[in-house]
Amino acid sequence: MMKTFIIWICCLMVLPVMAQDNKQIKGDNDMKTLTVYFSYTVGNTKRIAEKVHEAVGGDIVRLEPAKPYPTDYNATVNQGQEEVSRNYKPALKPLGVNVADYDRIIIGTPTWWYKMAPVVLSFLSENDFMGKTVVPFMTNAGWPGSVIKDMTELAEKKGATVEHAHEFRFSSDEKHFDKMETSESELEQWINSLK
């Protein structure tokens, strides 16, 4: 009788530990990931988002404003500066996915006038990230501004845990906007940290 009681007590002590181990193993492998990005011109942010998606899986969505930006680059630059200066949040086209269905949201933005693109500001402002992990990344041509700080603060304000935020620098030479100055090895290390 005493032997049975001791075995029963031992089982009660081991089960919570096993459950915790299973939860930790399940946590990383079953995390449902959504990669979200905005990219206007040559697609630097798109390129990184697609590499991330290829490595970590899940779903990927390109953010688009309901009213498209002008096709003329200079007109968009002027409009973007004006929108950033007044903290404008443009309406977005439907995403085609439900953000609530995901555990981790990887969000990429180009730097517009030292800030995140207004489209990304809309996305972060409109969604609830309570209990989710948000991974912000940004691309810039040498002027990172406060993008990562702003994205982190807004995501945390909306309930997220922010991890692995990263900045990627590209050339400021208009003829070589698509040349990444951040090393490929740094990009790969960052992507590996998300697996």
C-alpha atoms as a PDB file:
ATOM      1  CA  MET A   1       0.000   0.000   0.000  1.00  0.00           C
ATOM      2  CA  MET A   2       2.775   2.418   0.952  1.00  0.00           C
ATOM      3  CA  LYS A   3       4.727   1.471  -2.198  1.00  0.00           C
ATOM      4  CA  THR A   4       1.692   2.264  -4.389  1.00  0.00           C
ATOM      5  CA  PHE A   5       1.244   5.614  -2.636  1.00  0.00           C
ATOM      6  CA  ILE A   6       4.913   6.573  -3.247  1.00  0.00           C
ATOM      7  CA  ILE A   7       4.670   5.628  -6.948  1.00  0.00           C
ATOM      8  CA  TRP A   8       1.496   7.705  -7.247  1.00  0.00           C
ATOM      9  CA  ILE A   9       3.185  10.759  -5.647  1.00  0.00           C
ATOM     10  CA  CYS A  10       6.203  10.400  -7.969  1.00  0.00           C
ATOM     11  CA  CYS A  11       3.915  10.332 -10.996  1.00  0.00           C
ATOM     12  CA  LEU A  12       2.197  13.516  -9.831  1.00  0.00           C
ATOM     13  CA  MET A  13       5.574  15.223  -9.519  1.00  0.00           C
ATOM     14  CA  VAL A  14       6.851  14.088 -12.954  1.00  0.00           C
ATOM     15  CA  LEU A  15       3.738  14.876 -15.029  1.00  0.00           C
ATOM     16  CA  PRO A  16       3.938  18.692 -14.711  1.00  0.00           C
ATOM     17  CA  VAL A  17       7.621  18.602 -15.722  1.00  0.00           C
ATOM     18  CA  MET A  18       6.799  16.454 -18.768  1.00  0.00           C
ATOM     19  CA  ALA A  19       3.933  18.760 -19.688  1.00  0.00           C
ATOM     20  CA  GLN A  20       6.232  21.789 -19.451  1.00  0.00           C
ATOM     21  CA  ASP A  21       8.840  20.097 -21.664  1.00  0.00           C
ATOM     22  CA  ASN A  22       6.174  19.223 -24.239  1.00  0.00           C
ATOM     23  CA  LYS A  23       4.872  22.789 -24.178  1.00  0.00           C
ATOM     24  CA  GLN A  24       8.359  24.181 -24.864  1.00  0.00           C
ATOM     25  CA  ILE A  25       8.943  21.755 -27.710  1.00  0.00           C
ATOM     26  CA  LYS A  26       5.517  22.440 -29.177  1.00  0.00           C
ATOM     27  CA  GLY A  27       5.860  26.204 -28.796  1.00  0.00           C
ATOM     28  CA  ASP A  28       8.571  26.701 -31.412  1.00  0.00           C
ATOM     29  CA  ASN A  29       7.502  24.002 -33.869  1.00  0.00           C
ATOM     30  CA  ASP A  30       3.805  24.856 -33.971  1.00  0.00           C
ATOM     31  CA  MET A  31       4.122  28.649 -34.027  1.00  0.00           C
ATOM     32  CA  LYS A  32       1.934  29.933 -36.869  1.00  0.00           C
ATOM     33  CA  THR A  33       3.802  32.728 -38.667  1.00  0.00           C
ATOM     34  CA  LEU A  34       2.617  35.559 -40.898  1.00  0.00           C
ATOM     35  CA  THR A  35       5.156  37.682 -42.766  1.00  0.00           C
ATOM     36  CA  VAL A  36       3.784  41.113 -43.670  1.00  0.00           C
ATOM     37  CA  TYR A  37       5.642  43.756 -45.636  1.00  0.00           C
ATOM     38  CA  PHE A  38       5.302  46.934 -47.668  1.00  0.00           C
ATOM     39  CA  SER A  39       7.602  47.675 -50.598  1.00  0.00           C
ATOM     40  CA  TYR A  40       7.106  50.484 -53.105  1.00  0.00           C
ATOM     41  CA  THR A  41      10.010  50.658 -55.553  1.00  0.00           C
ATOM     42  CA  VAL A  42      12.811  48.208 -56.279  1.00  0.00           C
ATOM     43  CA  GLY A  43      11.591  45.786 -53.646  1.00  0.00           C
ATOM     44  CA  ASN A  44      14.340  45.692 -51.026  1.00  0.00           C
ATOM     45  CA  THR A  45      11.858  45.058 -48.218  1.00  0.00           C
ATOM     46  CA  LYS A  46      10.029  42.541 -50.410  1.00  0.00           C
ATOM     47  CA  ARG A  47      13.273  40.676 -51.079  1.00  0.00           C
ATOM     48  CA  ILE A  48      14.005  40.253 -47.377  1.00  0.00           C
ATOM     49  CA  ALA A  49      10.395  39.336 -46.570  1.00  0.00           C
ATOM     50  CA  GLU A  50      10.417  36.626 -49.226  1.00  0.00           C
ATOM     51  CA  LYS A  51      13.716  35.198 -47.937  1.00  0.00           C
ATOM     52  CA  VAL A  52      12.266  35.093 -44.423  1.00  0.00           C
ATOM     53  CA  HIS A  53       9.087  33.434 -45.650  1.00  0.00           C
ATOM     54  CA  GLU A  54      11.053  30.840 -47.595  1.00  0.00           C
ATOM     55  CA  ALA A  55      13.060  29.963 -44.466  1.00  0.00           C
ATOM     56  CA  VAL A  56      10.384  30.030 -41.746  1.00  0.00           C
ATOM     57  CA  GLY A  57       7.243  29.135 -43.697  1.00  0.00           C
ATOM     58  CA  GLY A  58       3.765  30.282 -42.770  1.00  0.00           C
ATOM     59  CA  ASP A  59       1.974  32.857 -44.899  1.00  0.00           C
ATOM     60  CA  ILE A  60       3.136  36.080 -46.542  1.00  0.00           C
ATOM     61  CA  VAL A  61       1.143  39.227 -47.371  1.00  0.00           C
ATOM     62  CA  ARG A  62       2.107  42.439 -49.141  1.00  0.00           C
ATOM     63  CA  LEU A  63       0.462  45.476 -47.584  1.00  0.00           C
ATOM     64  CA  GLU A  64      -1.232  47.746 -50.113  1.00  0.00           C
ATOM     65  CA  PRO A  65      -2.974  51.079 -49.618  1.00  0.00           C
ATOM     66  CA  ALA A  66      -6.606  51.155 -50.749  1.00  0.00           C
ATOM     67  CA  LYS A  67      -5.697  54.154 -52.908  1.00  0.00           C
ATOM     68  CA  PRO A  68      -2.436  53.289 -54.707  1.00  0.00           C
ATOM     69  CA  TYR A  69       0.520  55.630 -54.596  1.00  0.00           C
ATOM     70  CA  PRO A  70       1.355  57.469 -57.833  1.00  0.00           C
ATOM     71  CA  THR A  71       3.494  55.587 -60.324  1.00  0.00           C
ATOM     72  CA  ASP A  72       5.735  58.648 -60.566  1.00  0.00           C
ATOM     73  CA  TYR A  73       8.533  58.188 -58.023  1.00  0.00           C
ATOM     74  CA  ASN A  74       8.964  61.893 -57.184  1.00  0.00           C
ATOM     75  CA  ALA A  75       5.227  62.345 -56.678  1.00  0.00           C
ATOM     76  CA  THR A  76       5.238  59.420 -54.244  1.00  0.00           C
ATOM     77  CA  VAL A  77       8.273  60.811 -52.417  1.00  0.00           C
ATOM     78  CA  ASN A  78       6.448  64.125 -51.927  1.00  0.00           C
ATOM     79  CA  GLN A  79       3.216  62.426 -50.878  1.00  0.00           C
ATOM     80  CA  GLY A  80       5.096  60.132 -48.518  1.00  0.00           C
ATOM     81  CA  GLN A  81       6.867  63.012 -46.828  1.00  0.00           C
ATOM     82  CA  GLU A  82       3.572  64.817 -46.325  1.00  0.00           C
ATOM     83  CA  GLU A  83       1.880  61.690 -44.938  1.00  0.00           C
ATOM     84  CA  VAL A  84       4.736  60.932 -42.533  1.00  0.00           C
ATOM     85  CA  SER A  85       4.813  64.532 -41.275  1.00  0.00           C
ATOM     86  CA  ARG A  86       1.171  64.303 -40.173  1.00  0.00           C
ATOM     87  CA  ASN A  87       1.283  60.701 -38.954  1.00  0.00           C
ATOM     88  CA  TYR A  88      -1.206  59.714 -41.638  1.00  0.00           C
ATOM     89  CA  LYS A  89      -2.621  56.173 -41.652  1.00  0.00           C
ATOM     90  CA  PRO A  90      -3.966  55.287 -45.111  1.00  0.00           C
ATOM     91  CA  ALA A  91      -6.775  52.787 -45.515  1.00  0.00           C
ATOM     92  CA  LEU A  92      -5.485  49.359 -46.545  1.00  0.00           C
ATOM     93  CA  LYS A  93      -6.720  46.825 -49.058  1.00  0.00           C
ATOM     94  CA  PRO A  94      -8.014  43.648 -47.378  1.00  0.00           C
ATOM     95  CA  LEU A  95      -5.164  41.355 -46.351  1.00  0.00           C
ATOM     96  CA  GLY A  96      -6.860  38.121 -47.302  1.00  0.00           C
ATOM     97  CA  VAL A  97      -5.841  36.598 -43.948  1.00  0.00           C
ATOM     98  CA  ASN A  98      -6.959  37.002 -40.343  1.00  0.00           C
ATOM     99  CA  VAL A  99      -4.111  38.342 -38.190  1.00  0.00           C
ATOM    100  CA  ALA A 100      -5.774  36.810 -35.114  1.00  0.00           C
ATOM    101  CA  ASP A 101      -4.993  33.321 -36.495  1.00  0.00           C
ATOM    102  CA  TYR A 102      -1.225  33.795 -36.143  1.00  0.00           C
ATOM    103  CA  ASP A 103       1.162  33.506 -33.197  1.00  0.00           C
ATOM    104  CA  ARG A 104       4.055  35.424 -34.736  1.00  0.00           C
ATOM    105  CA  ILE A 105       3.927  38.404 -37.102  1.00  0.00           C
ATOM    106  CA  ILE A 106       7.113  39.378 -38.952  1.00  0.00           C
ATOM    107  CA  ILE A 107       6.681  42.943 -40.231  1.00  0.00           C
ATOM    108  CA  GLY A 108       8.906  44.693 -42.771  1.00  0.00           C
ATOM    109  CA  THR A 109       8.940  48.337 -43.805  1.00  0.00           C
ATOM    110  CA  PRO A 110      11.111  50.692 -45.819  1.00  0.00           C
ATOM    111  CA  THR A 111      12.189  53.899 -44.083  1.00  0.00           C
ATOM    112  CA  TRP A 112      10.231  56.926 -45.243  1.00  0.00           C
ATOM    113  CA  TRP A 113      11.544  60.211 -43.909  1.00  0.00           C
ATOM    114  CA  TYR A 114      13.111  58.539 -40.832  1.00  0.00           C
ATOM    115  CA  LYS A 115       9.827  56.730 -40.008  1.00  0.00           C
ATOM    116  CA  MET A 116       8.036  53.522 -40.957  1.00  0.00           C
ATOM    117  CA  ALA A 117       5.984  53.757 -44.154  1.00  0.00           C
ATOM    118  CA  PRO A 118       2.429  55.040 -43.498  1.00  0.00           C
ATOM    119  CA  VAL A 119       0.985  51.760 -44.791  1.00  0.00           C
ATOM    120  CA  VAL A 120       2.861  49.846 -42.079  1.00  0.00           C
ATOM    121  CA  LEU A 121       1.774  52.409 -39.479  1.00  0.00           C
ATOM    122  CA  SER A 122      -1.835  51.645 -40.484  1.00  0.00           C
ATOM    123  CA  PHE A 123      -1.295  47.899 -40.132  1.00  0.00           C
ATOM    124  CA  LEU A 124       0.320  48.157 -36.704  1.00  0.00           C
ATOM    125  CA  SER A 125      -2.304  50.639 -35.492  1.00  0.00           C
ATOM    126  CA  GLU A 126      -5.318  48.650 -36.694  1.00  0.00           C
ATOM    127  CA  ASN A 127      -4.461  45.214 -35.318  1.00  0.00           C
ATOM    128  CA  ASP A 128      -4.465  43.646 -31.865  1.00  0.00           C
ATOM    129  CA  PHE A 129      -1.229  41.809 -31.091  1.00  0.00           C
ATOM    130  CA  MET A 130      -2.112  40.692 -27.568  1.00  0.00           C
ATOM    131  CA  GLY A 131      -0.200  37.500 -26.774  1.00  0.00           C
ATOM    132  CA  LYS A 132       1.592  37.510 -30.131  1.00  0.00           C
ATOM    133  CA  THR A 133       5.261  37.789 -31.001  1.00  0.00           C
ATOM    134  CA  VAL A 134       6.107  40.614 -33.389  1.00  0.00           C
ATOM    135  CA  VAL A 135       9.396  40.697 -35.303  1.00  0.00           C
ATOM    136  CA  PRO A 136       9.960  44.108 -36.934  1.00  0.00           C
ATOM    137  CA  PHE A 137      12.527  44.740 -39.618  1.00  0.00           C
ATOM    138  CA  MET A 138      13.292  47.775 -41.708  1.00  0.00           C
ATOM    139  CA  THR A 139      15.281  48.740 -44.776  1.00  0.00           C
ATOM    140  CA  ASN A 140      16.995  52.090 -45.252  1.00  0.00           C
ATOM    141  CA  ALA A 141      19.547  53.872 -47.407  1.00  0.00           C
ATOM    142  CA  GLY A 142      21.625  55.164 -44.532  1.00  0.00           C
ATOM    143  CA  TRP A 143      19.044  57.098 -42.525  1.00  0.00           C
ATOM    144  CA  PRO A 144      17.342  54.621 -40.170  1.00  0.00           C
ATOM    145  CA  GLY A 145      15.667  57.281 -38.050  1.00  0.00           C
ATOM    146  CA  SER A 146      13.416  55.939 -35.292  1.00  0.00           C
ATOM    147  CA  VAL A 147      11.728  53.185 -37.305  1.00  0.00           C
ATOM    148  CA  ILE A 148      12.604  50.173 -35.133  1.00  0.00           C
ATOM    149  CA  LYS A 149      11.932  52.098 -31.930  1.00  0.00           C
ATOM    150  CA  ASP A 150       8.548  53.309 -33.228  1.00  0.00           C
ATOM    151  CA  MET A 151       7.504  49.867 -34.499  1.00  0.00           C
ATOM    152  CA  THR A 152       8.544  48.249 -31.221  1.00  0.00           C
ATOM    153  CA  GLU A 153       6.683  50.761 -29.070  1.00  0.00           C
ATOM    154  CA  LEU A 154       3.505  50.535 -31.140  1.00  0.00           C
ATOM    155  CA  ALA A 155       3.518  46.717 -31.239  1.00  0.00           C
ATOM    156  CA  GLU A 156       4.111  46.534 -27.473  1.00  0.00           C
ATOM    157  CA  LYS A 157       1.330  49.066 -26.900  1.00  0.00           C
ATOM    158  CA  LYS A 158      -0.954  46.698 -28.843  1.00  0.00           C
ATOM    159  CA  GLY A 159       0.028  43.774 -26.581  1.00  0.00           C
ATOM    160  CA  ALA A 160       2.906  42.133 -28.474  1.00  0.00           C
ATOM    161  CA  THR A 161       6.180  40.718 -27.290  1.00  0.00           C
ATOM    162  CA  VAL A 162       8.789  42.140 -29.687  1.00  0.00           C
ATOM    163  CA  GLU A 163      11.794  40.007 -30.621  1.00  0.00           C
ATOM    164  CA  HIS A 164      14.685  40.027 -33.106  1.00  0.00           C
ATOM    165  CA  ALA A 165      14.093  43.556 -34.468  1.00  0.00           C
ATOM    166  CA  HIS A 166      16.592  44.276 -37.230  1.00  0.00           C
ATOM    167  CA  GLU A 167      17.797  46.997 -39.593  1.00  0.00           C
ATOM    168  CA  PHE A 168      19.019  46.346 -43.133  1.00  0.00           C
ATOM    169  CA  ARG A 169      20.942  48.983 -45.022  1.00  0.00           C
ATOM    170  CA  PHE A 170      20.946  49.399 -48.794  1.00  0.00           C
ATOM    171  CA  SER A 171      22.879  51.737 -51.069  1.00  0.00           C
ATOM    172  CA  SER A 172      21.891  55.412 -51.186  1.00  0.00           C
ATOM    173  CA  ASP A 173      23.127  55.635 -54.776  1.00  0.00           C
ATOM    174  CA  GLU A 174      20.053  56.035 -57.002  1.00  0.00           C
ATOM    175  CA  LYS A 175      21.617  53.739 -59.615  1.00  0.00           C
ATOM    176  CA  HIS A 176      22.164  50.997 -57.039  1.00  0.00           C
ATOM    177  CA  PHE A 177      19.191  51.220 -54.628  1.00  0.00           C
ATOM    178  CA  ASP A 178      18.934  47.438 -54.722  1.00  0.00           C
ATOM    179  CA  LYS A 179      22.511  46.848 -53.489  1.00  0.00           C
ATOM    180  CA  MET A 180      22.426  45.662 -49.892  1.00  0.00           C
ATOM    181  CA  GLU A 181      25.211  47.072 -47.736  1.00  0.00           C
ATOM    182  CA  THR A 182      24.309  44.906 -44.757  1.00  0.00           C
ATOM    183  CA  SER A 183      26.234  41.678 -45.281  1.00  0.00           C
ATOM    184  CA  GLU A 184      24.496  38.563 -46.561  1.00  0.00           C
ATOM    185  CA  SER A 185      25.933  36.676 -43.581  1.00  0.00           C
ATOM    186  CA  GLU A 186      24.207  39.108 -41.195  1.00  0.00           C
ATOM    187  CA  LEU A 187      20.939  38.587 -43.060  1.00  0.00           C
ATOM    188  CA  GLU A 188      21.350  34.805 -42.880  1.00  0.00           C
ATOM    189  CA  GLN A 189      22.172  34.895 -39.160  1.00  0.00           C
ATOM    190  CA  TRP A 190      19.066  36.964 -38.510  1.00  0.00           C
ATOM    191  CA  ILE A 191      16.868  34.626 -40.549  1.00  0.00           C
ATOM    192  CA  ASN A 192      18.334  31.625 -38.699  1.00  0.00           C
ATOM    193  CA  SER A 193      17.422  33.268 -35.390  1.00  0.00           C
ATOM    194  CA  LEU A 194      13.774  33.155 -36.509  1.00  0.00           C
ATOM    195  CA  LYS A 195      13.682  29.427 -37.304  1.00  0.00           C
END
